[in-house]
Amino acid sequence: MTPTADGRGGYFCRPMITIDKITDLKERLEALKGYLDVEEKRGQILEQEKYTHDPDFWNDQKKAQLVMKKIRELKRWVGLYEAVKREVDDAEVTFDFSRPRR
């Protein structure tokens, strides 16, 4: 953190966010997306959810519960990725707003 004058004779610390750090975070996020195979998981969610619309879906309770568990698991991973993506996007917006204007 860098000490910065607060205009009243005091100092406060501001975290050092740089364009390089933002770029690194975005690259790491893209790698995470590939590692987690997020797009494939989204496709699997859609495919599995199609089964739940079948009127006979709940006739086999055990099979239906397994499908629902799989959907929850897939959504959890996608949701975690989306949460990280929002944080990176927010960091980028914060960086943009904190840059001095000319």
C-alpha atoms as a PDB file:
ATOM      1  CA  MET A   1       0.000   0.000   0.000  1.00  0.00           C
ATOM      2  CA  THR A   2       1.122   3.519  -0.708  1.00  0.00           C
ATOM      3  CA  PRO A   3       0.641   6.313   1.844  1.00  0.00           C
ATOM      4  CA  THR A   4      -1.281   9.199   0.303  1.00  0.00           C
ATOM      5  CA  ALA A   5      -1.958  12.678   1.687  1.00  0.00           C
ATOM      6  CA  ASP A   6      -5.592  13.064   2.621  1.00  0.00           C
ATOM      7  CA  GLY A   7      -5.680  16.869   2.236  1.00  0.00           C
ATOM      8  CA  ARG A   8      -5.969  17.432   5.971  1.00  0.00           C
ATOM      9  CA  GLY A   9      -2.349  16.873   6.950  1.00  0.00           C
ATOM     10  CA  GLY A  10      -2.852  13.157   7.455  1.00  0.00           C
ATOM     11  CA  TYR A  11      -2.184  10.089   5.368  1.00  0.00           C
ATOM     12  CA  PHE A  12      -4.187   7.064   4.417  1.00  0.00           C
ATOM     13  CA  CYS A  13      -3.126   3.903   2.612  1.00  0.00           C
ATOM     14  CA  ARG A  14      -4.474   3.059  -0.794  1.00  0.00           C
ATOM     15  CA  PRO A  15      -3.874  -0.404  -2.279  1.00  0.00           C
ATOM     16  CA  MET A  16      -1.689  -0.389  -5.362  1.00  0.00           C
ATOM     17  CA  ILE A  17      -3.844  -1.527  -8.246  1.00  0.00           C
ATOM     18  CA  THR A  18      -2.018  -1.348 -11.530  1.00  0.00           C
ATOM     19  CA  ILE A  19      -3.027  -2.074 -15.098  1.00  0.00           C
ATOM     20  CA  ASP A  20      -0.506  -4.931 -15.039  1.00  0.00           C
ATOM     21  CA  LYS A  21      -2.271  -6.505 -12.054  1.00  0.00           C
ATOM     22  CA  ILE A  22      -5.646  -6.127 -13.738  1.00  0.00           C
ATOM     23  CA  THR A  23      -4.297  -7.685 -16.931  1.00  0.00           C
ATOM     24  CA  ASP A  24      -2.766 -10.547 -14.925  1.00  0.00           C
ATOM     25  CA  LEU A  25      -6.053 -11.159 -13.114  1.00  0.00           C
ATOM     26  CA  LYS A  26      -7.966 -11.241 -16.400  1.00  0.00           C
ATOM     27  CA  GLU A  27      -5.474 -13.712 -17.886  1.00  0.00           C
ATOM     28  CA  ARG A  28      -5.688 -15.913 -14.806  1.00  0.00           C
ATOM     29  CA  LEU A  29      -9.485 -15.722 -14.925  1.00  0.00           C
ATOM     30  CA  GLU A  30      -9.468 -16.887 -18.542  1.00  0.00           C
ATOM     31  CA  ALA A  31      -7.174 -19.781 -17.590  1.00  0.00           C
ATOM     32  CA  LEU A  32      -9.515 -20.668 -14.715  1.00  0.00           C
ATOM     33  CA  LYS A  33     -12.469 -20.644 -17.107  1.00  0.00           C
ATOM     34  CA  GLY A  34     -10.687 -23.176 -19.293  1.00  0.00           C
ATOM     35  CA  TYR A  35      -9.486 -25.279 -16.366  1.00  0.00           C
ATOM     36  CA  LEU A  36     -12.995 -25.474 -14.914  1.00  0.00           C
ATOM     37  CA  ASP A  37     -14.439 -25.998 -18.409  1.00  0.00           C
ATOM     38  CA  VAL A  38     -17.155 -23.481 -17.613  1.00  0.00           C
ATOM     39  CA  GLU A  39     -18.744 -23.446 -21.062  1.00  0.00           C
ATOM     40  CA  GLU A  40     -19.001 -27.246 -21.069  1.00  0.00           C
ATOM     41  CA  LYS A  41     -20.617 -27.133 -17.624  1.00  0.00           C
ATOM     42  CA  ARG A  42     -23.145 -24.561 -18.854  1.00  0.00           C
ATOM     43  CA  GLY A  43     -24.028 -26.881 -21.720  1.00  0.00           C
ATOM     44  CA  GLN A  44     -24.371 -29.833 -19.347  1.00  0.00           C
ATOM     45  CA  ILE A  45     -26.693 -27.799 -17.122  1.00  0.00           C
ATOM     46  CA  LEU A  46     -28.967 -27.045 -20.077  1.00  0.00           C
ATOM     47  CA  GLU A  47     -28.904 -30.678 -21.185  1.00  0.00           C
ATOM     48  CA  GLN A  48     -29.641 -32.045 -17.701  1.00  0.00           C
ATOM     49  CA  GLU A  49     -32.402 -29.490 -17.137  1.00  0.00           C
ATOM     50  CA  LYS A  50     -34.152 -30.753 -20.292  1.00  0.00           C
ATOM     51  CA  TYR A  51     -34.648 -34.095 -18.529  1.00  0.00           C
ATOM     52  CA  THR A  52     -36.380 -32.371 -15.618  1.00  0.00           C
ATOM     53  CA  HIS A  53     -39.140 -31.094 -17.938  1.00  0.00           C
ATOM     54  CA  ASP A  54     -40.135 -34.631 -18.881  1.00  0.00           C
ATOM     55  CA  PRO A  55     -43.461 -35.496 -17.205  1.00  0.00           C
ATOM     56  CA  ASP A  56     -42.028 -38.911 -16.265  1.00  0.00           C
ATOM     57  CA  PHE A  57     -38.872 -37.432 -14.719  1.00  0.00           C
ATOM     58  CA  TRP A  58     -39.890 -38.067 -11.098  1.00  0.00           C
ATOM     59  CA  ASN A  59     -41.156 -41.606 -11.750  1.00  0.00           C
ATOM     60  CA  ASP A  60     -37.681 -42.886 -10.881  1.00  0.00           C
ATOM     61  CA  GLN A  61     -36.927 -40.968  -7.668  1.00  0.00           C
ATOM     62  CA  LYS A  62     -33.319 -42.137  -7.321  1.00  0.00           C
ATOM     63  CA  LYS A  63     -32.423 -41.251 -10.884  1.00  0.00           C
ATOM     64  CA  ALA A  64     -34.194 -37.877 -10.593  1.00  0.00           C
ATOM     65  CA  GLN A  65     -32.319 -37.078  -7.380  1.00  0.00           C
ATOM     66  CA  LEU A  66     -29.004 -37.924  -9.049  1.00  0.00           C
ATOM     67  CA  VAL A  67     -29.810 -35.638 -11.970  1.00  0.00           C
ATOM     68  CA  MET A  68     -30.784 -32.811  -9.608  1.00  0.00           C
ATOM     69  CA  LYS A  69     -27.604 -33.326  -7.591  1.00  0.00           C
ATOM     70  CA  LYS A  70     -25.539 -33.167 -10.778  1.00  0.00           C
ATOM     71  CA  ILE A  71     -27.292 -29.937 -11.835  1.00  0.00           C
ATOM     72  CA  ARG A  72     -26.624 -28.372  -8.414  1.00  0.00           C
ATOM     73  CA  GLU A  73     -22.969 -29.387  -8.586  1.00  0.00           C
ATOM     74  CA  LEU A  74     -22.528 -27.955 -12.081  1.00  0.00           C
ATOM     75  CA  LYS A  75     -24.310 -24.724 -11.117  1.00  0.00           C
ATOM     76  CA  ARG A  76     -22.102 -24.415  -8.043  1.00  0.00           C
ATOM     77  CA  TRP A  77     -18.914 -24.504 -10.123  1.00  0.00           C
ATOM     78  CA  VAL A  78     -20.276 -22.077 -12.697  1.00  0.00           C
ATOM     79  CA  GLY A  79     -21.530 -19.806  -9.912  1.00  0.00           C
ATOM     80  CA  LEU A  80     -18.150 -19.772  -8.196  1.00  0.00           C
ATOM     81  CA  TYR A  81     -16.460 -18.861 -11.464  1.00  0.00           C
ATOM     82  CA  GLU A  82     -19.022 -16.098 -12.069  1.00  0.00           C
ATOM     83  CA  ALA A  83     -18.385 -14.705  -8.571  1.00  0.00           C
ATOM     84  CA  VAL A  84     -14.648 -14.517  -9.246  1.00  0.00           C
ATOM     85  CA  LYS A  85     -15.331 -12.913 -12.636  1.00  0.00           C
ATOM     86  CA  ARG A  86     -17.503 -10.235 -10.980  1.00  0.00           C
ATOM     87  CA  GLU A  87     -14.691  -9.486  -8.514  1.00  0.00           C
ATOM     88  CA  VAL A  88     -12.158  -9.087 -11.336  1.00  0.00           C
ATOM     89  CA  ASP A  89     -14.586  -6.891 -13.292  1.00  0.00           C
ATOM     90  CA  ASP A  90     -15.181  -4.779 -10.169  1.00  0.00           C
ATOM     91  CA  ALA A  91     -11.424  -4.417  -9.641  1.00  0.00           C
ATOM     92  CA  GLU A  92     -11.062  -3.199 -13.220  1.00  0.00           C
ATOM     93  CA  VAL A  93     -13.850  -0.634 -12.773  1.00  0.00           C
ATOM     94  CA  THR A  94     -12.301   0.514  -9.487  1.00  0.00           C
ATOM     95  CA  PHE A  95      -8.960   0.906 -11.220  1.00  0.00           C
ATOM     96  CA  ASP A  96     -10.532   2.911 -14.043  1.00  0.00           C
ATOM     97  CA  PHE A  97     -12.253   5.252 -11.584  1.00  0.00           C
ATOM     98  CA  SER A  98      -9.111   5.699  -9.473  1.00  0.00           C
ATOM     99  CA  ARG A  99      -6.904   6.785 -12.386  1.00  0.00           C
ATOM    100  CA  PRO A 100      -6.243  10.511 -12.580  1.00  0.00           C
ATOM    101  CA  ARG A 101      -8.293  12.262 -15.255  1.00  0.00           C
ATOM    102  CA  ARG A 102      -6.624  14.544 -17.772  1.00  0.00           C
END
